Amino acid sequence: MAGTYLHGIFENGPWRRRWLNQLRQRRNLPPLEERIPHHGRQRDALLDRLADAFETHIDLDPLLSEEAP
Protein backbone atom coordinates (compact mmCIF):
# COMPACT_ATOMS: atom_id res chain seq x y z
CA MET A 1 0.00 0.00 0.00
CA ALA A 2 1.30 3.46 -0.84
CA GLY A 3 0.01 6.97 -0.35
CA THR A 4 1.20 10.49 -0.88
CA TYR A 5 0.52 14.03 0.24
CA LEU A 6 2.33 15.42 -2.80
CA HIS A 7 -0.50 16.82 -4.93
CA GLY A 8 -0.19 15.89 -8.58
CA ILE A 9 2.75 13.48 -8.23
CA PHE A 10 0.88 10.73 -10.09
CA GLU A 11 0.11 13.02 -13.04
CA ASN A 12 3.67 12.60 -14.28
CA GLY A 13 3.01 9.74 -16.73
CA PRO A 14 6.55 8.38 -17.17
CA TRP A 15 7.26 8.51 -13.43
CA ARG A 16 3.91 6.92 -12.60
CA ARG A 17 4.47 4.10 -15.11
CA ARG A 18 7.98 3.38 -13.80
CA TRP A 19 6.60 3.27 -10.26
CA LEU A 20 3.74 0.97 -11.32
CA ASN A 21 6.14 -1.25 -13.23
CA GLN A 22 8.26 -1.67 -10.12
CA LEU A 23 5.16 -2.85 -8.27
CA ARG A 24 4.16 -5.09 -11.18
CA GLN A 25 7.64 -6.62 -11.30
CA ARG A 26 7.29 -7.64 -7.65
CA ARG A 27 4.13 -9.54 -8.61
CA ASN A 28 5.72 -11.06 -11.72
CA LEU A 29 3.36 -9.12 -13.99
CA PRO A 30 4.38 -7.83 -17.42
CA PRO A 31 5.44 -4.17 -17.52
CA LEU A 32 3.17 -1.44 -18.81
CA GLU A 33 4.19 0.72 -21.77
CA GLU A 34 6.06 3.76 -20.44
CA ARG A 35 5.61 6.01 -23.48
CA ILE A 36 2.12 7.34 -22.87
CA PRO A 37 0.42 10.69 -23.44
CA HIS A 38 0.54 13.18 -20.57
CA HIS A 39 -2.42 12.48 -18.27
CA GLY A 40 -3.03 16.15 -17.46
CA ARG A 41 -3.22 17.16 -21.11
CA GLN A 42 -5.58 14.27 -21.88
CA ARG A 43 -7.82 15.21 -18.97
CA ASP A 44 -7.88 18.89 -19.96
CA ALA A 45 -8.76 18.02 -23.57
CA LEU A 46 -11.63 15.80 -22.40
CA LEU A 47 -12.93 18.53 -20.09
CA ASP A 48 -12.75 21.05 -22.94
CA ARG A 49 -14.79 18.71 -25.15
CA LEU A 50 -17.33 18.25 -22.37
CA ALA A 51 -17.62 22.01 -21.86
CA ASP A 52 -18.07 22.56 -25.61
CA ALA A 53 -20.82 19.94 -25.76
CA PHE A 54 -22.51 21.42 -22.71
CA GLU A 55 -22.48 24.93 -24.20
CA THR A 56 -23.83 23.59 -27.50
CA HIS A 57 -26.77 21.71 -25.99
CA ILE A 58 -27.68 23.64 -22.82
CA ASP A 59 -29.14 27.15 -22.68
CA LEU A 60 -26.74 28.79 -20.25
CA ASP A 61 -28.41 32.21 -20.16
CA PRO A 62 -30.84 31.36 -17.33
CA LEU A 63 -28.01 29.79 -15.35
CA LEU A 64 -25.70 32.75 -15.79
CA SER A 65 -28.19 35.58 -15.34
CA GLU A 66 -27.93 37.65 -12.18
CA GLU A 67 -31.68 37.62 -11.69
CA ALA A 68 -33.08 35.08 -9.27
CA PRO A 69 -35.50 32.54 -10.78
PDB file of N, CA and C in Angstrom:
ATOM      1  N   MET A   1       0.849  -1.174   0.000  1.00  0.00           N
ATOM      2  CA  MET A   1       0.000   0.000   0.000  1.00  0.00           C
ATOM      3  C   MET A   1       0.896   1.240   0.000  1.00  0.00           C
ATOM      4  N   ALA A   2       0.513   2.239  -0.788  1.00  0.00           N
ATOM      5  CA  ALA A   2       1.295   3.460  -0.840  1.00  0.00           C
ATOM      6  C   ALA A   2       0.361   4.654  -0.879  1.00  0.00           C
ATOM      7  N   GLY A   3       0.788   5.741  -0.338  1.00  0.00           N
ATOM      8  CA  GLY A   3       0.012   6.969  -0.354  1.00  0.00           C
ATOM      9  C   GLY A   3       0.949   8.153  -0.439  1.00  0.00           C
ATOM     10  N   THR A   4       0.373   9.305  -0.768  1.00  0.00           N
ATOM     11  CA  THR A   4       1.200  10.492  -0.882  1.00  0.00           C
ATOM     12  C   THR A   4       0.412  11.741  -0.534  1.00  0.00           C
ATOM     13  N   TYR A   5       1.096  12.716  -0.004  1.00  0.00           N
ATOM     14  CA  TYR A   5       0.516  14.031   0.237  1.00  0.00           C
ATOM     15  C   TYR A   5       1.024  15.019  -0.800  1.00  0.00           C
ATOM     16  N   LEU A   6       1.783  14.560  -1.766  1.00  0.00           N
ATOM     17  CA  LEU A   6       2.328  15.424  -2.804  1.00  0.00           C
ATOM     18  C   LEU A   6       1.306  15.530  -3.933  1.00  0.00           C
ATOM     19  N   HIS A   7       0.569  16.635  -3.947  1.00  0.00           N
ATOM     20  CA  HIS A   7      -0.496  16.824  -4.926  1.00  0.00           C
ATOM     21  C   HIS A   7       0.055  16.769  -6.345  1.00  0.00           C
ATOM     22  N   GLY A   8      -0.560  15.952  -7.181  1.00  0.00           N
ATOM     23  CA  GLY A   8      -0.194  15.886  -8.582  1.00  0.00           C
ATOM     24  C   GLY A   8       0.966  14.967  -8.918  1.00  0.00           C
ATOM     25  N   ILE A   9       1.552  14.295  -7.944  1.00  0.00           N
ATOM     26  CA  ILE A   9       2.745  13.479  -8.232  1.00  0.00           C
ATOM     27  C   ILE A   9       2.430  12.362  -9.224  1.00  0.00           C
ATOM     28  N   PHE A  10       1.214  11.828  -9.197  1.00  0.00           N
ATOM     29  CA  PHE A  10       0.880  10.728 -10.090  1.00  0.00           C
ATOM     30  C   PHE A  10       0.441  11.196 -11.475  1.00  0.00           C
ATOM     31  N   GLU A  11       0.420  12.512 -11.717  1.00  0.00           N
ATOM     32  CA  GLU A  11       0.107  13.024 -13.045  1.00  0.00           C
ATOM     33  C   GLU A  11       1.304  12.958 -13.985  1.00  0.00           C
ATOM     34  N   ASN A  12       2.482  12.737 -13.452  1.00  0.00           N
ATOM     35  CA  ASN A  12       3.674  12.602 -14.280  1.00  0.00           C
ATOM     36  C   ASN A  12       3.680  11.182 -14.847  1.00  0.00           C
ATOM     37  N   GLY A  13       3.204  11.050 -16.111  1.00  0.00           N
ATOM     38  CA  GLY A  13       3.015   9.741 -16.727  1.00  0.00           C
ATOM     39  C   GLY A  13       4.223   8.826 -16.693  1.00  0.00           C
ATOM     40  N   PRO A  14       5.378   9.271 -17.190  1.00  0.00           N
ATOM     41  CA  PRO A  14       6.545   8.381 -17.174  1.00  0.00           C
ATOM     42  C   PRO A  14       6.945   7.940 -15.756  1.00  0.00           C
ATOM     43  N   TRP A  15       6.913   8.870 -14.806  1.00  0.00           N
ATOM     44  CA  TRP A  15       7.262   8.512 -13.426  1.00  0.00           C
ATOM     45  C   TRP A  15       6.257   7.512 -12.872  1.00  0.00           C
ATOM     46  N   ARG A  16       4.962   7.794 -13.107  1.00  0.00           N
ATOM     47  CA  ARG A  16       3.909   6.916 -12.599  1.00  0.00           C
ATOM     48  C   ARG A  16       4.045   5.514 -13.176  1.00  0.00           C
ATOM     49  N   ARG A  17       4.333   5.406 -14.480  1.00  0.00           N
ATOM     50  CA  ARG A  17       4.470   4.096 -15.106  1.00  0.00           C
ATOM     51  C   ARG A  17       5.693   3.354 -14.578  1.00  0.00           C
ATOM     52  N   ARG A  18       6.803   4.054 -14.363  1.00  0.00           N
ATOM     53  CA  ARG A  18       7.983   3.382 -13.798  1.00  0.00           C
ATOM     54  C   ARG A  18       7.660   2.849 -12.404  1.00  0.00           C
ATOM     55  N   TRP A  19       6.964   3.678 -11.615  1.00  0.00           N
ATOM     56  CA  TRP A  19       6.596   3.274 -10.259  1.00  0.00           C
ATOM     57  C   TRP A  19       5.667   2.067 -10.308  1.00  0.00           C
ATOM     58  N   LEU A  20       4.648   2.105 -11.183  1.00  0.00           N
ATOM     59  CA  LEU A  20       3.736   0.974 -11.319  1.00  0.00           C
ATOM     60  C   LEU A  20       4.463  -0.270 -11.805  1.00  0.00           C
ATOM     61  N   ASN A  21       5.397  -0.088 -12.723  1.00  0.00           N
ATOM     62  CA  ASN A  21       6.143  -1.245 -13.228  1.00  0.00           C
ATOM     63  C   ASN A  21       7.005  -1.881 -12.157  1.00  0.00           C
ATOM     64  N   GLN A  22       7.523  -1.081 -11.237  1.00  0.00           N
ATOM     65  CA  GLN A  22       8.264  -1.667 -10.117  1.00  0.00           C
ATOM     66  C   GLN A  22       7.342  -2.540  -9.272  1.00  0.00           C
ATOM     67  N   LEU A  23       6.127  -2.054  -9.032  1.00  0.00           N
ATOM     68  CA  LEU A  23       5.158  -2.846  -8.269  1.00  0.00           C
ATOM     69  C   LEU A  23       4.753  -4.100  -9.040  1.00  0.00           C
ATOM     70  N   ARG A  24       4.553  -3.949 -10.352  1.00  0.00           N
ATOM     71  CA  ARG A  24       4.163  -5.089 -11.185  1.00  0.00           C
ATOM     72  C   ARG A  24       5.275  -6.139 -11.227  1.00  0.00           C
ATOM     73  N   GLN A  25       6.515  -5.684 -11.266  1.00  0.00           N
ATOM     74  CA  GLN A  25       7.644  -6.622 -11.301  1.00  0.00           C
ATOM     75  C   GLN A  25       7.657  -7.480 -10.043  1.00  0.00           C
ATOM     76  N   ARG A  26       7.334  -6.884  -8.897  1.00  0.00           N
ATOM     77  CA  ARG A  26       7.289  -7.644  -7.649  1.00  0.00           C
ATOM     78  C   ARG A  26       6.247  -8.756  -7.685  1.00  0.00           C
ATOM     79  N   ARG A  27       5.209  -8.549  -8.481  1.00  0.00           N
ATOM     80  CA  ARG A  27       4.125  -9.537  -8.611  1.00  0.00           C
ATOM     81  C   ARG A  27       4.279 -10.413  -9.856  1.00  0.00           C
ATOM     82  N   ASN A  28       5.444 -10.303 -10.500  1.00  0.00           N
ATOM     83  CA  ASN A  28       5.722 -11.061 -11.725  1.00  0.00           C
ATOM     84  C   ASN A  28       4.704 -10.800 -12.828  1.00  0.00           C
ATOM     85  N   LEU A  29       4.278  -9.538 -12.931  1.00  0.00           N
ATOM     86  CA  LEU A  29       3.361  -9.121 -13.992  1.00  0.00           C
ATOM     87  C   LEU A  29       4.158  -8.442 -15.101  1.00  0.00           C
ATOM     88  N   PRO A  30       3.674  -8.496 -16.327  1.00  0.00           N
ATOM     89  CA  PRO A  30       4.383  -7.832 -17.422  1.00  0.00           C
ATOM     90  C   PRO A  30       4.349  -6.319 -17.239  1.00  0.00           C
ATOM     91  N   PRO A  31       5.403  -5.632 -17.684  1.00  0.00           N
ATOM     92  CA  PRO A  31       5.443  -4.175 -17.516  1.00  0.00           C
ATOM     93  C   PRO A  31       4.439  -3.484 -18.431  1.00  0.00           C
ATOM     94  N   LEU A  32       4.020  -2.301 -18.008  1.00  0.00           N
ATOM     95  CA  LEU A  32       3.168  -1.442 -18.813  1.00  0.00           C
ATOM     96  C   LEU A  32       4.033  -0.586 -19.728  1.00  0.00           C
ATOM     97  N   GLU A  33       3.489  -0.184 -20.848  1.00  0.00           N
ATOM     98  CA  GLU A  33       4.187   0.722 -21.765  1.00  0.00           C
ATOM     99  C   GLU A  33       4.473   2.038 -21.042  1.00  0.00           C
ATOM    100  N   GLU A  34       5.700   2.531 -21.151  1.00  0.00           N
ATOM    101  CA  GLU A  34       6.061   3.761 -20.444  1.00  0.00           C
ATOM    102  C   GLU A  34       5.890   5.006 -21.305  1.00  0.00           C
ATOM    103  N   ARG A  35       5.806   4.844 -22.606  1.00  0.00           N
ATOM    104  CA  ARG A  35       5.609   6.010 -23.476  1.00  0.00           C
ATOM    105  C   ARG A  35       4.115   6.225 -23.669  1.00  0.00           C
ATOM    106  N   ILE A  36       3.548   7.067 -22.826  1.00  0.00           N
ATOM    107  CA  ILE A  36       2.117   7.336 -22.870  1.00  0.00           C
ATOM    108  C   ILE A  36       1.887   8.840 -22.933  1.00  0.00           C
ATOM    109  N   PRO A  37       0.720   9.260 -23.435  1.00  0.00           N
ATOM    110  CA  PRO A  37       0.415  10.693 -23.442  1.00  0.00           C
ATOM    111  C   PRO A  37       0.335  11.236 -22.016  1.00  0.00           C
ATOM    112  N   HIS A  38       0.580  12.523 -21.885  1.00  0.00           N
ATOM    113  CA  HIS A  38       0.536  13.176 -20.573  1.00  0.00           C
ATOM    114  C   HIS A  38      -0.900  13.181 -20.050  1.00  0.00           C
ATOM    115  N   HIS A  39      -1.093  12.623 -18.871  1.00  0.00           N
ATOM    116  CA  HIS A  39      -2.417  12.485 -18.273  1.00  0.00           C
ATOM    117  C   HIS A  39      -3.127  13.828 -18.127  1.00  0.00           C
ATOM    118  N   GLY A  40      -2.435  14.833 -17.671  1.00  0.00           N
ATOM    119  CA  GLY A  40      -3.035  16.147 -17.457  1.00  0.00           C
ATOM    120  C   GLY A  40      -3.550  16.755 -18.752  1.00  0.00           C
ATOM    121  N   ARG A  41      -2.777  16.616 -19.813  1.00  0.00           N
ATOM    122  CA  ARG A  41      -3.216  17.157 -21.106  1.00  0.00           C
ATOM    123  C   ARG A  41      -4.420  16.388 -21.641  1.00  0.00           C
ATOM    124  N   GLN A  42      -4.427  15.071 -21.465  1.00  0.00           N
ATOM    125  CA  GLN A  42      -5.577  14.272 -21.882  1.00  0.00           C
ATOM    126  C   GLN A  42      -6.833  14.679 -21.111  1.00  0.00           C
ATOM    127  N   ARG A  43      -6.688  14.828 -19.808  1.00  0.00           N
ATOM    128  CA  ARG A  43      -7.821  15.212 -18.966  1.00  0.00           C
ATOM    129  C   ARG A  43      -8.353  16.580 -19.367  1.00  0.00           C
ATOM    130  N   ASP A  44      -7.454  17.547 -19.575  1.00  0.00           N
ATOM    131  CA  ASP A  44      -7.880  18.893 -19.959  1.00  0.00           C
ATOM    132  C   ASP A  44      -8.597  18.895 -21.303  1.00  0.00           C
ATOM    133  N   ALA A  45      -8.113  18.101 -22.257  1.00  0.00           N
ATOM    134  CA  ALA A  45      -8.757  18.019 -23.571  1.00  0.00           C
ATOM    135  C   ALA A  45     -10.159  17.423 -23.439  1.00  0.00           C
ATOM    136  N   LEU A  46     -10.307  16.393 -22.608  1.00  0.00           N
ATOM    137  CA  LEU A  46     -11.629  15.804 -22.399  1.00  0.00           C
ATOM    138  C   LEU A  46     -12.578  16.787 -21.727  1.00  0.00           C
ATOM    139  N   LEU A  47     -12.083  17.539 -20.750  1.00  0.00           N
ATOM    140  CA  LEU A  47     -12.928  18.529 -20.085  1.00  0.00           C
ATOM    141  C   LEU A  47     -13.322  19.650 -21.046  1.00  0.00           C
ATOM    142  N   ASP A  48     -12.418  20.043 -21.935  1.00  0.00           N
ATOM    143  CA  ASP A  48     -12.750  21.051 -22.941  1.00  0.00           C
ATOM    144  C   ASP A  48     -13.851  20.551 -23.868  1.00  0.00           C
ATOM    145  N   ARG A  49     -13.753  19.289 -24.292  1.00  0.00           N
ATOM    146  CA  ARG A  49     -14.787  18.709 -25.151  1.00  0.00           C
ATOM    147  C   ARG A  49     -16.128  18.645 -24.432  1.00  0.00           C
ATOM    148  N   LEU A  50     -16.103  18.296 -23.153  1.00  0.00           N
ATOM    149  CA  LEU A  50     -17.328  18.245 -22.367  1.00  0.00           C
ATOM    150  C   LEU A  50     -17.940  19.640 -22.251  1.00  0.00           C
ATOM    151  N   ALA A  51     -17.125  20.635 -21.972  1.00  0.00           N
ATOM    152  CA  ALA A  51     -17.619  22.012 -21.863  1.00  0.00           C
ATOM    153  C   ALA A  51     -18.208  22.486 -23.186  1.00  0.00           C
ATOM    154  N   ASP A  52     -17.550  22.173 -24.297  1.00  0.00           N
ATOM    155  CA  ASP A  52     -18.065  22.559 -25.612  1.00  0.00           C
ATOM    156  C   ASP A  52     -19.425  21.914 -25.874  1.00  0.00           C
ATOM    157  N   ALA A  53     -19.555  20.633 -25.558  1.00  0.00           N
ATOM    158  CA  ALA A  53     -20.825  19.935 -25.763  1.00  0.00           C
ATOM    159  C   ALA A  53     -21.914  20.526 -24.868  1.00  0.00           C
ATOM    160  N   PHE A  54     -21.556  20.835 -23.647  1.00  0.00           N
ATOM    161  CA  PHE A  54     -22.512  21.422 -22.709  1.00  0.00           C
ATOM    162  C   PHE A  54     -23.005  22.760 -23.233  1.00  0.00           C
ATOM    163  N   GLU A  55     -22.100  23.618 -23.685  1.00  0.00           N
ATOM    164  CA  GLU A  55     -22.477  24.934 -24.203  1.00  0.00           C
ATOM    165  C   GLU A  55     -23.318  24.819 -25.472  1.00  0.00           C
ATOM    166  N   THR A  56     -23.082  23.787 -26.260  1.00  0.00           N
ATOM    167  CA  THR A  56     -23.835  23.586 -27.497  1.00  0.00           C
ATOM    168  C   THR A  56     -25.271  23.161 -27.216  1.00  0.00           C
ATOM    169  N   HIS A  57     -25.478  22.337 -26.200  1.00  0.00           N
ATOM    170  CA  HIS A  57     -26.773  21.709 -25.993  1.00  0.00           C
ATOM    171  C   HIS A  57     -27.574  22.252 -24.802  1.00  0.00           C
ATOM    172  N   ILE A  58     -26.990  23.106 -24.004  1.00  0.00           N
ATOM    173  CA  ILE A  58     -27.675  23.639 -22.822  1.00  0.00           C
ATOM    174  C   ILE A  58     -27.761  25.157 -22.948  1.00  0.00           C
ATOM    175  N   ASP A  59     -28.963  25.699 -22.681  1.00  0.00           N
ATOM    176  CA  ASP A  59     -29.139  27.153 -22.681  1.00  0.00           C
ATOM    177  C   ASP A  59     -28.572  27.690 -21.365  1.00  0.00           C
ATOM    178  N   LEU A  60     -27.424  28.316 -21.448  1.00  0.00           N
ATOM    179  CA  LEU A  60     -26.737  28.789 -20.248  1.00  0.00           C
ATOM    180  C   LEU A  60     -27.253  30.133 -19.735  1.00  0.00           C
ATOM    181  N   ASP A  61     -27.977  30.877 -20.573  1.00  0.00           N
ATOM    182  CA  ASP A  61     -28.409  32.214 -20.157  1.00  0.00           C
ATOM    183  C   ASP A  61     -29.165  32.221 -18.826  1.00  0.00           C
ATOM    184  N   PRO A  62     -30.154  31.344 -18.625  1.00  0.00           N
ATOM    185  CA  PRO A  62     -30.840  31.357 -17.328  1.00  0.00           C
ATOM    186  C   PRO A  62     -29.914  31.002 -16.164  1.00  0.00           C
ATOM    187  N   LEU A  63     -28.945  30.181 -16.426  1.00  0.00           N
ATOM    188  CA  LEU A  63     -28.011  29.793 -15.350  1.00  0.00           C
ATOM    189  C   LEU A  63     -27.044  30.908 -15.003  1.00  0.00           C
ATOM    190  N   LEU A  64     -26.701  31.713 -15.993  1.00  0.00           N
ATOM    191  CA  LEU A  64     -25.695  32.747 -15.789  1.00  0.00           C
ATOM    192  C   LEU A  64     -26.270  34.127 -15.493  1.00  0.00           C
ATOM    193  N   SER A  65     -27.588  34.264 -15.583  1.00  0.00           N
ATOM    194  CA  SER A  65     -28.185  35.578 -15.338  1.00  0.00           C
ATOM    195  C   SER A  65     -28.096  35.910 -13.854  1.00  0.00           C
ATOM    196  N   GLU A  66     -28.042  37.197 -13.571  1.00  0.00           N
ATOM    197  CA  GLU A  66     -27.932  37.651 -12.184  1.00  0.00           C
ATOM    198  C   GLU A  66     -29.279  37.697 -11.496  1.00  0.00           C
ATOM    199  N   GLU A  67     -30.354  37.586 -12.261  1.00  0.00           N
ATOM    200  CA  GLU A  67     -31.684  37.620 -11.688  1.00  0.00           C
ATOM    201  C   GLU A  67     -32.019  36.275 -11.060  1.00  0.00           C
ATOM    202  N   ALA A  68     -32.675  36.319  -9.927  1.00  0.00           N
ATOM    203  CA  ALA A  68     -33.084  35.076  -9.268  1.00  0.00           C
ATOM    204  C   ALA A  68     -34.264  34.483 -10.014  1.00  0.00           C
ATOM    205  N   PRO A  69     -34.381  33.179 -10.065  1.00  0.00           N
ATOM    206  CA  PRO A  69     -35.496  32.541 -10.779  1.00  0.00           C
ATOM    207  C   PRO A  69     -36.833  32.810 -10.123  1.00  0.00           C
TER     208      PRO A  69
END
